[in-house]
Amino acid sequence: SARVGECNKLMDVLRQKLESKAFRAGMLYYRMGKYR
């Protein structure tokens, strides 16, 4: 499909959002002293 390239771009945006969510979760644990 001609839409495949567009799908991949939008998927990159979505993945970056999930990455940010996961990184923020790690930082929250870190700041709370829950190091493990």
All heavy atoms as atom14 arrays in JSON, in Angstrom:
{
  "sequence": "SARVGECNKLMDVLRQKLESKAFRAGMLYYRMGKYR",
  "atom14_mask": [
    [1, 1, 1, 1, 1, 1, 0, 0, 0, 0, 0, 0, 0, 0],
    [1, 1, 1, 1, 1, 0, 0, 0, 0, 0, 0, 0, 0, 0],
    [1, 1, 1, 1, 1, 1, 1, 1, 1, 1, 1, 0, 0, 0],
    [1, 1, 1, 1, 1, 1, 1, 0, 0, 0, 0, 0, 0, 0],
    [1, 1, 1, 1, 0, 0, 0, 0, 0, 0, 0, 0, 0, 0],
    [1, 1, 1, 1, 1, 1, 1, 1, 1, 0, 0, 0, 0, 0],
    [1, 1, 1, 1, 1, 1, 0, 0, 0, 0, 0, 0, 0, 0],
    [1, 1, 1, 1, 1, 1, 1, 1, 0, 0, 0, 0, 0, 0],
    [1, 1, 1, 1, 1, 1, 1, 1, 1, 0, 0, 0, 0, 0],
    [1, 1, 1, 1, 1, 1, 1, 1, 0, 0, 0, 0, 0, 0],
    [1, 1, 1, 1, 1, 1, 1, 1, 0, 0, 0, 0, 0, 0],
    [1, 1, 1, 1, 1, 1, 1, 1, 0, 0, 0, 0, 0, 0],
    [1, 1, 1, 1, 1, 1, 1, 0, 0, 0, 0, 0, 0, 0],
    [1, 1, 1, 1, 1, 1, 1, 1, 0, 0, 0, 0, 0, 0],
    [1, 1, 1, 1, 1, 1, 1, 1, 1, 1, 1, 0, 0, 0],
    [1, 1, 1, 1, 1, 1, 1, 1, 1, 0, 0, 0, 0, 0],
    [1, 1, 1, 1, 1, 1, 1, 1, 1, 0, 0, 0, 0, 0],
    [1, 1, 1, 1, 1, 1, 1, 1, 0, 0, 0, 0, 0, 0],
    [1, 1, 1, 1, 1, 1, 1, 1, 1, 0, 0, 0, 0, 0],
    [1, 1, 1, 1, 1, 1, 0, 0, 0, 0, 0, 0, 0, 0],
    [1, 1, 1, 1, 1, 1, 1, 1, 1, 0, 0, 0, 0, 0],
    [1, 1, 1, 1, 1, 0, 0, 0, 0, 0, 0, 0, 0, 0],
    [1, 1, 1, 1, 1, 1, 1, 1, 1, 1, 1, 0, 0, 0],
    [1, 1, 1, 1, 1, 1, 1, 1, 1, 1, 1, 0, 0, 0],
    [1, 1, 1, 1, 1, 0, 0, 0, 0, 0, 0, 0, 0, 0],
    [1, 1, 1, 1, 0, 0, 0, 0, 0, 0, 0, 0, 0, 0],
    [1, 1, 1, 1, 1, 1, 1, 1, 0, 0, 0, 0, 0, 0],
    [1, 1, 1, 1, 1, 1, 1, 1, 0, 0, 0, 0, 0, 0],
    [1, 1, 1, 1, 1, 1, 1, 1, 1, 1, 1, 1, 0, 0],
    [1, 1, 1, 1, 1, 1, 1, 1, 1, 1, 1, 1, 0, 0],
    [1, 1, 1, 1, 1, 1, 1, 1, 1, 1, 1, 0, 0, 0],
    [1, 1, 1, 1, 1, 1, 1, 1, 0, 0, 0, 0, 0, 0],
    [1, 1, 1, 1, 0, 0, 0, 0, 0, 0, 0, 0, 0, 0],
    [1, 1, 1, 1, 1, 1, 1, 1, 1, 0, 0, 0, 0, 0],
    [1, 1, 1, 1, 1, 1, 1, 1, 1, 1, 1, 1, 0, 0],
    [1, 1, 1, 1, 1, 1, 1, 1, 1, 1, 1, 0, 0, 0]
  ],
  "atom14_positions": [
    [[0.82, -1.21, 0.0], [0.0, 0.0, 0.0], [0.86, 1.26, 0.0], [1.94, 1.3, 0.59], [-0.91, 0.01, 1.23], [-1.57, 1.26, 1.36], [0.0, 0.0, 0.0], [0.0, 0.0, 0.0], [0.0, 0.0, 0.0], [0.0, 0.0, 0.0], [0.0, 0.0, 0.0], [0.0, 0.0, 0.0], [0.0, 0.0, 0.0], [0.0, 0.0, 0.0]],
    [[0.34, 2.3, -0.65], [1.01, 3.61, -0.63], [1.0, 4.21, 0.77], [1.74, 5.16, 1.06], [0.31, 4.55, -1.6], [0.0, 0.0, 0.0], [0.0, 0.0, 0.0], [0.0, 0.0, 0.0], [0.0, 0.0, 0.0], [0.0, 0.0, 0.0], [0.0, 0.0, 0.0], [0.0, 0.0, 0.0], [0.0, 0.0, 0.0], [0.0, 0.0, 0.0]],
    [[0.19, 3.66, 1.66], [0.07, 4.16, 3.03], [1.15, 3.62, 3.97], [1.26, 4.09, 5.11], [-1.29, 3.76, 3.61], [-2.5, 4.41, 2.95], [-2.74, 5.78, 3.5], [-4.09, 6.25, 3.28], [-4.51, 7.45, 3.61], [-3.67, 8.3, 4.19], [-5.75, 7.83, 3.39], [0.0, 0.0, 0.0], [0.0, 0.0, 0.0], [0.0, 0.0, 0.0]],
    [[1.91, 2.63, 3.55], [2.87, 1.96, 4.44], [3.9, 2.93, 5.01], [4.19, 2.91, 6.22], [3.56, 0.77, 3.73], [4.76, 0.27, 4.54], [2.56, -0.37, 3.53], [0.0, 0.0, 0.0], [0.0, 0.0, 0.0], [0.0, 0.0, 0.0], [0.0, 0.0, 0.0], [0.0, 0.0, 0.0], [0.0, 0.0, 0.0], [0.0, 0.0, 0.0]],
    [[4.44, 3.81, 4.16], [5.43, 4.79, 4.64], [4.86, 5.7, 5.71], [5.5, 5.97, 6.73], [0.0, 0.0, 0.0], [0.0, 0.0, 0.0], [0.0, 0.0, 0.0], [0.0, 0.0, 0.0], [0.0, 0.0, 0.0], [0.0, 0.0, 0.0], [0.0, 0.0, 0.0], [0.0, 0.0, 0.0], [0.0, 0.0, 0.0], [0.0, 0.0, 0.0]],
    [[3.63, 6.14, 5.47], [2.96, 7.0, 6.44], [2.71, 6.25, 7.75], [2.88, 6.81, 8.84], [1.63, 7.47, 5.85], [0.91, 8.52, 6.66], [-0.37, 8.99, 6.0], [-0.6, 8.64, 4.82], [-1.14, 9.7, 6.67], [0.0, 0.0, 0.0], [0.0, 0.0, 0.0], [0.0, 0.0, 0.0], [0.0, 0.0, 0.0], [0.0, 0.0, 0.0]],
    [[2.32, 4.98, 7.63], [2.1, 4.15, 8.83], [3.38, 4.05, 9.66], [3.35, 4.19, 10.89], [1.64, 2.74, 8.44], [-0.04, 2.66, 7.8], [0.0, 0.0, 0.0], [0.0, 0.0, 0.0], [0.0, 0.0, 0.0], [0.0, 0.0, 0.0], [0.0, 0.0, 0.0], [0.0, 0.0, 0.0], [0.0, 0.0, 0.0], [0.0, 0.0, 0.0]],
    [[4.5, 3.83, 8.99], [5.77, 3.7, 9.71], [6.15, 4.99, 10.43], [6.65, 4.96, 11.56], [6.89, 3.29, 8.74], [6.83, 1.81, 8.39], [6.51, 0.97, 9.23], [7.09, 1.48, 7.14], [0.0, 0.0, 0.0], [0.0, 0.0, 0.0], [0.0, 0.0, 0.0], [0.0, 0.0, 0.0], [0.0, 0.0, 0.0], [0.0, 0.0, 0.0]],
    [[5.88, 6.13, 9.8], [6.17, 7.42, 10.44], [5.32, 7.62, 11.69], [5.8, 8.07, 12.74], [5.93, 8.57, 9.45], [7.0, 8.7, 8.38], [6.67, 9.84, 7.42], [7.7, 9.9, 6.29], [7.34, 10.94, 5.3], [0.0, 0.0, 0.0], [0.0, 0.0, 0.0], [0.0, 0.0, 0.0], [0.0, 0.0, 0.0], [0.0, 0.0, 0.0]],
    [[4.04, 7.3, 11.57], [3.13, 7.46, 12.71], [3.47, 6.47, 13.83], [3.36, 6.8, 15.01], [1.68, 7.28, 12.25], [1.16, 8.37, 11.3], [-0.23, 8.03, 10.8], [1.17, 9.74, 11.96], [0.0, 0.0, 0.0], [0.0, 0.0, 0.0], [0.0, 0.0, 0.0], [0.0, 0.0, 0.0], [0.0, 0.0, 0.0], [0.0, 0.0, 0.0]],
    [[3.91, 5.28, 13.44], [4.32, 4.29, 14.44], [5.55, 4.77, 15.2], [5.68, 4.54, 16.41], [4.59, 2.94, 13.78], [3.32, 2.22, 13.32], [3.65, 0.74, 12.35], [4.06, -0.43, 13.65], [0.0, 0.0, 0.0], [0.0, 0.0, 0.0], [0.0, 0.0, 0.0], [0.0, 0.0, 0.0], [0.0, 0.0, 0.0], [0.0, 0.0, 0.0]],
    [[6.46, 5.46, 14.52], [7.64, 6.02, 15.18], [7.22, 7.05, 16.24], [7.77, 7.08, 17.34], [8.57, 6.7, 14.17], [9.36, 5.7, 13.34], [9.45, 4.52, 13.77], [9.87, 6.08, 12.27], [0.0, 0.0, 0.0], [0.0, 0.0, 0.0], [0.0, 0.0, 0.0], [0.0, 0.0, 0.0], [0.0, 0.0, 0.0], [0.0, 0.0, 0.0]],
    [[6.24, 7.87, 15.91], [5.73, 8.87, 16.86], [5.14, 8.17, 18.09], [5.39, 8.57, 19.24], [4.65, 9.76, 16.2], [3.99, 10.67, 17.22], [5.26, 10.58, 15.07], [0.0, 0.0, 0.0], [0.0, 0.0, 0.0], [0.0, 0.0, 0.0], [0.0, 0.0, 0.0], [0.0, 0.0, 0.0], [0.0, 0.0, 0.0], [0.0, 0.0, 0.0]],
    [[4.38, 7.12, 17.85], [3.74, 6.37, 18.95], [4.78, 5.68, 19.82], [4.68, 5.69, 21.05], [2.76, 5.35, 18.38], [1.54, 5.94, 17.66], [0.82, 4.85, 16.86], [0.58, 6.59, 18.64], [0.0, 0.0, 0.0], [0.0, 0.0, 0.0], [0.0, 0.0, 0.0], [0.0, 0.0, 0.0], [0.0, 0.0, 0.0], [0.0, 0.0, 0.0]],
    [[5.78, 5.08, 19.17], [6.84, 4.4, 19.95], [7.6, 5.39, 20.81], [7.96, 5.09, 21.96], [7.8, 3.68, 18.99], [7.22, 2.43, 18.36], [8.3, 1.61, 17.67], [7.74, 0.6, 16.8], [7.62, 0.72, 15.48], [8.04, 1.82, 14.87], [7.08, -0.25, 14.76], [0.0, 0.0, 0.0], [0.0, 0.0, 0.0], [0.0, 0.0, 0.0]],
    [[7.87, 6.57, 20.27], [8.57, 7.6, 21.05], [7.77, 7.99, 22.28], [8.33, 8.26, 23.35], [8.85, 8.83, 20.18], [9.98, 8.61, 19.18], [10.17, 9.78, 18.24], [9.6, 10.85, 18.45], [10.97, 9.58, 17.2], [0.0, 0.0, 0.0], [0.0, 0.0, 0.0], [0.0, 0.0, 0.0], [0.0, 0.0, 0.0], [0.0, 0.0, 0.0]],
    [[6.46, 7.99, 22.14], [5.59, 8.3, 23.27], [5.71, 7.21, 24.34], [5.81, 7.51, 25.54], [4.15, 8.42, 22.79], [3.21, 9.03, 23.81], [1.8, 9.2, 23.25], [1.68, 10.37, 22.33], [0.26, 10.67, 21.98], [0.0, 0.0, 0.0], [0.0, 0.0, 0.0], [0.0, 0.0, 0.0], [0.0, 0.0, 0.0], [0.0, 0.0, 0.0]],
    [[5.73, 5.95, 23.91], [5.87, 4.85, 24.87], [7.25, 4.84, 25.51], [7.4, 4.54, 26.69], [5.6, 3.51, 24.18], [4.17, 3.27, 23.71], [4.05, 1.91, 23.03], [3.17, 3.35, 24.87], [0.0, 0.0, 0.0], [0.0, 0.0, 0.0], [0.0, 0.0, 0.0], [0.0, 0.0, 0.0], [0.0, 0.0, 0.0], [0.0, 0.0, 0.0]],
    [[8.27, 5.2, 24.71], [9.63, 5.31, 25.26], [9.67, 6.37, 26.36], [10.25, 6.17, 27.43], [10.62, 5.7, 24.15], [10.89, 4.61, 23.13], [11.66, 5.16, 21.93], [12.28, 6.24, 22.07], [11.62, 4.53, 20.87], [0.0, 0.0, 0.0], [0.0, 0.0, 0.0], [0.0, 0.0, 0.0], [0.0, 0.0, 0.0], [0.0, 0.0, 0.0]],
    [[9.08, 7.52, 26.06], [9.05, 8.62, 27.04], [8.32, 8.19, 28.31], [8.75, 8.51, 29.42], [8.36, 9.84, 26.44], [9.12, 10.36, 25.37], [0.0, 0.0, 0.0], [0.0, 0.0, 0.0], [0.0, 0.0, 0.0], [0.0, 0.0, 0.0], [0.0, 0.0, 0.0], [0.0, 0.0, 0.0], [0.0, 0.0, 0.0], [0.0, 0.0, 0.0]],
    [[7.22, 7.47, 28.13], [6.44, 6.99, 29.27], [7.3, 6.06, 30.14], [7.32, 6.19, 31.37], [5.21, 6.24, 28.76], [4.29, 5.69, 29.84], [3.37, 6.74, 30.37], [2.33, 6.16, 31.29], [1.47, 7.2, 31.89], [0.0, 0.0, 0.0], [0.0, 0.0, 0.0], [0.0, 0.0, 0.0], [0.0, 0.0, 0.0], [0.0, 0.0, 0.0]],
    [[8.0, 5.12, 29.5], [8.85, 4.18, 30.23], [10.01, 4.89, 30.91], [10.35, 4.59, 32.06], [9.37, 3.1, 29.28], [0.0, 0.0, 0.0], [0.0, 0.0, 0.0], [0.0, 0.0, 0.0], [0.0, 0.0, 0.0], [0.0, 0.0, 0.0], [0.0, 0.0, 0.0], [0.0, 0.0, 0.0], [0.0, 0.0, 0.0], [0.0, 0.0, 0.0]],
    [[10.62, 5.85, 30.21], [11.75, 6.58, 30.8], [11.29, 7.39, 32.01], [11.95, 7.42, 33.05], [12.4, 7.5, 29.77], [13.61, 8.21, 30.28], [14.83, 7.55, 30.39], [13.54, 9.54, 30.68], [15.95, 8.19, 30.89], [14.65, 10.2, 31.18], [15.87, 9.52, 31.28], [0.0, 0.0, 0.0], [0.0, 0.0, 0.0], [0.0, 0.0, 0.0]],
    [[10.14, 8.03, 31.88], [9.59, 8.8, 33.0], [9.3, 7.9, 34.21], [9.5, 8.3, 35.36], [8.3, 9.5, 32.57], [8.51, 10.7, 31.67], [7.19, 11.42, 31.44], [7.32, 12.52, 30.51], [6.37, 13.44, 30.32], [5.24, 13.37, 30.99], [6.55, 14.41, 29.45], [0.0, 0.0, 0.0], [0.0, 0.0, 0.0], [0.0, 0.0, 0.0]],
    [[8.82, 6.68, 33.92], [8.54, 5.73, 35.01], [9.83, 5.37, 35.73], [9.87, 5.33, 36.98], [7.87, 4.48, 34.46], [0.0, 0.0, 0.0], [0.0, 0.0, 0.0], [0.0, 0.0, 0.0], [0.0, 0.0, 0.0], [0.0, 0.0, 0.0], [0.0, 0.0, 0.0], [0.0, 0.0, 0.0], [0.0, 0.0, 0.0], [0.0, 0.0, 0.0]],
    [[10.9, 5.14, 34.95], [12.2, 4.84, 35.55], [12.71, 5.99, 36.4], [13.21, 5.8, 37.52], [0.0, 0.0, 0.0], [0.0, 0.0, 0.0], [0.0, 0.0, 0.0], [0.0, 0.0, 0.0], [0.0, 0.0, 0.0], [0.0, 0.0, 0.0], [0.0, 0.0, 0.0], [0.0, 0.0, 0.0], [0.0, 0.0, 0.0], [0.0, 0.0, 0.0]],
    [[12.55, 7.21, 35.89], [12.99, 8.39, 36.63], [12.18, 8.58, 37.91], [12.72, 9.0, 38.94], [12.87, 9.65, 35.75], [13.91, 9.74, 34.65], [15.62, 9.68, 35.23], [15.69, 11.08, 36.33], [0.0, 0.0, 0.0], [0.0, 0.0, 0.0], [0.0, 0.0, 0.0], [0.0, 0.0, 0.0], [0.0, 0.0, 0.0], [0.0, 0.0, 0.0]],
    [[10.91, 8.27, 37.85], [10.06, 8.39, 39.03], [10.53, 7.43, 40.13], [10.67, 7.82, 41.3], [8.6, 8.12, 38.67], [7.59, 8.24, 39.82], [7.57, 9.66, 40.38], [6.19, 7.84, 39.34], [0.0, 0.0, 0.0], [0.0, 0.0, 0.0], [0.0, 0.0, 0.0], [0.0, 0.0, 0.0], [0.0, 0.0, 0.0], [0.0, 0.0, 0.0]],
    [[10.8, 6.18, 39.74], [11.32, 5.2, 40.7], [12.65, 5.68, 41.28], [12.89, 5.57, 42.49], [11.52, 3.84, 40.04], [10.26, 3.06, 39.8], [9.98, 2.51, 38.54], [9.34, 2.83, 40.83], [8.83, 1.78, 38.31], [8.18, 2.1, 40.6], [7.93, 1.57, 39.35], [6.8, 0.85, 39.13], [0.0, 0.0, 0.0], [0.0, 0.0, 0.0]],
    [[13.49, 6.22, 40.39], [14.82, 6.69, 40.83], [14.69, 7.8, 41.86], [15.35, 7.78, 42.91], [15.6, 7.16, 39.6], [16.99, 7.65, 39.92], [18.04, 6.75, 40.05], [17.25, 9.01, 40.07], [19.32, 7.19, 40.34], [18.52, 9.47, 40.36], [19.55, 8.55, 40.5], [20.82, 9.0, 40.8], [0.0, 0.0, 0.0], [0.0, 0.0, 0.0]],
    [[13.84, 8.77, 41.58], [13.67, 9.91, 42.5], [13.02, 9.49, 43.82], [13.25, 10.13, 44.85], [12.84, 10.99, 41.82], [13.57, 11.69, 40.67], [12.73, 12.76, 40.03], [13.41, 13.31, 38.85], [12.87, 13.37, 37.64], [11.65, 12.92, 37.42], [13.56, 13.88, 36.64], [0.0, 0.0, 0.0], [0.0, 0.0, 0.0], [0.0, 0.0, 0.0]],
    [[12.23, 8.43, 43.77], [11.59, 7.94, 44.99], [12.52, 7.05, 45.82], [12.16, 6.61, 46.91], [10.33, 7.14, 44.62], [9.19, 7.99, 44.06], [7.85, 6.97, 43.39], [7.25, 6.2, 44.88], [0.0, 0.0, 0.0], [0.0, 0.0, 0.0], [0.0, 0.0, 0.0], [0.0, 0.0, 0.0], [0.0, 0.0, 0.0], [0.0, 0.0, 0.0]],
    [[13.71, 6.79, 45.28], [14.66, 5.93, 45.99], [14.39, 4.46, 45.82], [14.94, 3.63, 46.55], [0.0, 0.0, 0.0], [0.0, 0.0, 0.0], [0.0, 0.0, 0.0], [0.0, 0.0, 0.0], [0.0, 0.0, 0.0], [0.0, 0.0, 0.0], [0.0, 0.0, 0.0], [0.0, 0.0, 0.0], [0.0, 0.0, 0.0], [0.0, 0.0, 0.0]],
    [[13.55, 4.11, 44.83], [13.27, 2.7, 44.55], [14.23, 2.26, 43.43], [13.85, 2.12, 42.26], [11.81, 2.51, 44.14], [10.84, 2.87, 45.26], [9.4, 2.58, 44.87], [8.46, 2.87, 46.04], [7.05, 2.57, 45.7], [0.0, 0.0, 0.0], [0.0, 0.0, 0.0], [0.0, 0.0, 0.0], [0.0, 0.0, 0.0], [0.0, 0.0, 0.0]],
    [[15.48, 2.05, 43.83], [16.56, 1.93, 42.86], [16.51, 0.62, 42.05], [16.83, 0.62, 40.86], [17.92, 2.09, 43.55], [18.06, 3.44, 44.2], [18.22, 3.56, 45.58], [18.01, 4.6, 43.44], [18.33, 4.8, 46.18], [18.12, 5.85, 44.04], [18.27, 5.95, 45.41], [18.37, 7.18, 46.0], [0.0, 0.0, 0.0], [0.0, 0.0, 0.0]],
    [[16.1, -0.46, 42.69], [15.99, -1.71, 41.94], [14.91, -1.59, 40.86], [15.13, -1.99, 39.7], [15.64, -2.88, 42.87], [15.53, -4.22, 42.15], [15.31, -5.37, 43.13], [15.2, -6.65, 42.45], [14.06, -7.13, 41.94], [12.93, -6.42, 42.04], [14.05, -8.29, 41.33], [0.0, 0.0, 0.0], [0.0, 0.0, 0.0], [0.0, 0.0, 0.0]]
  ]
}
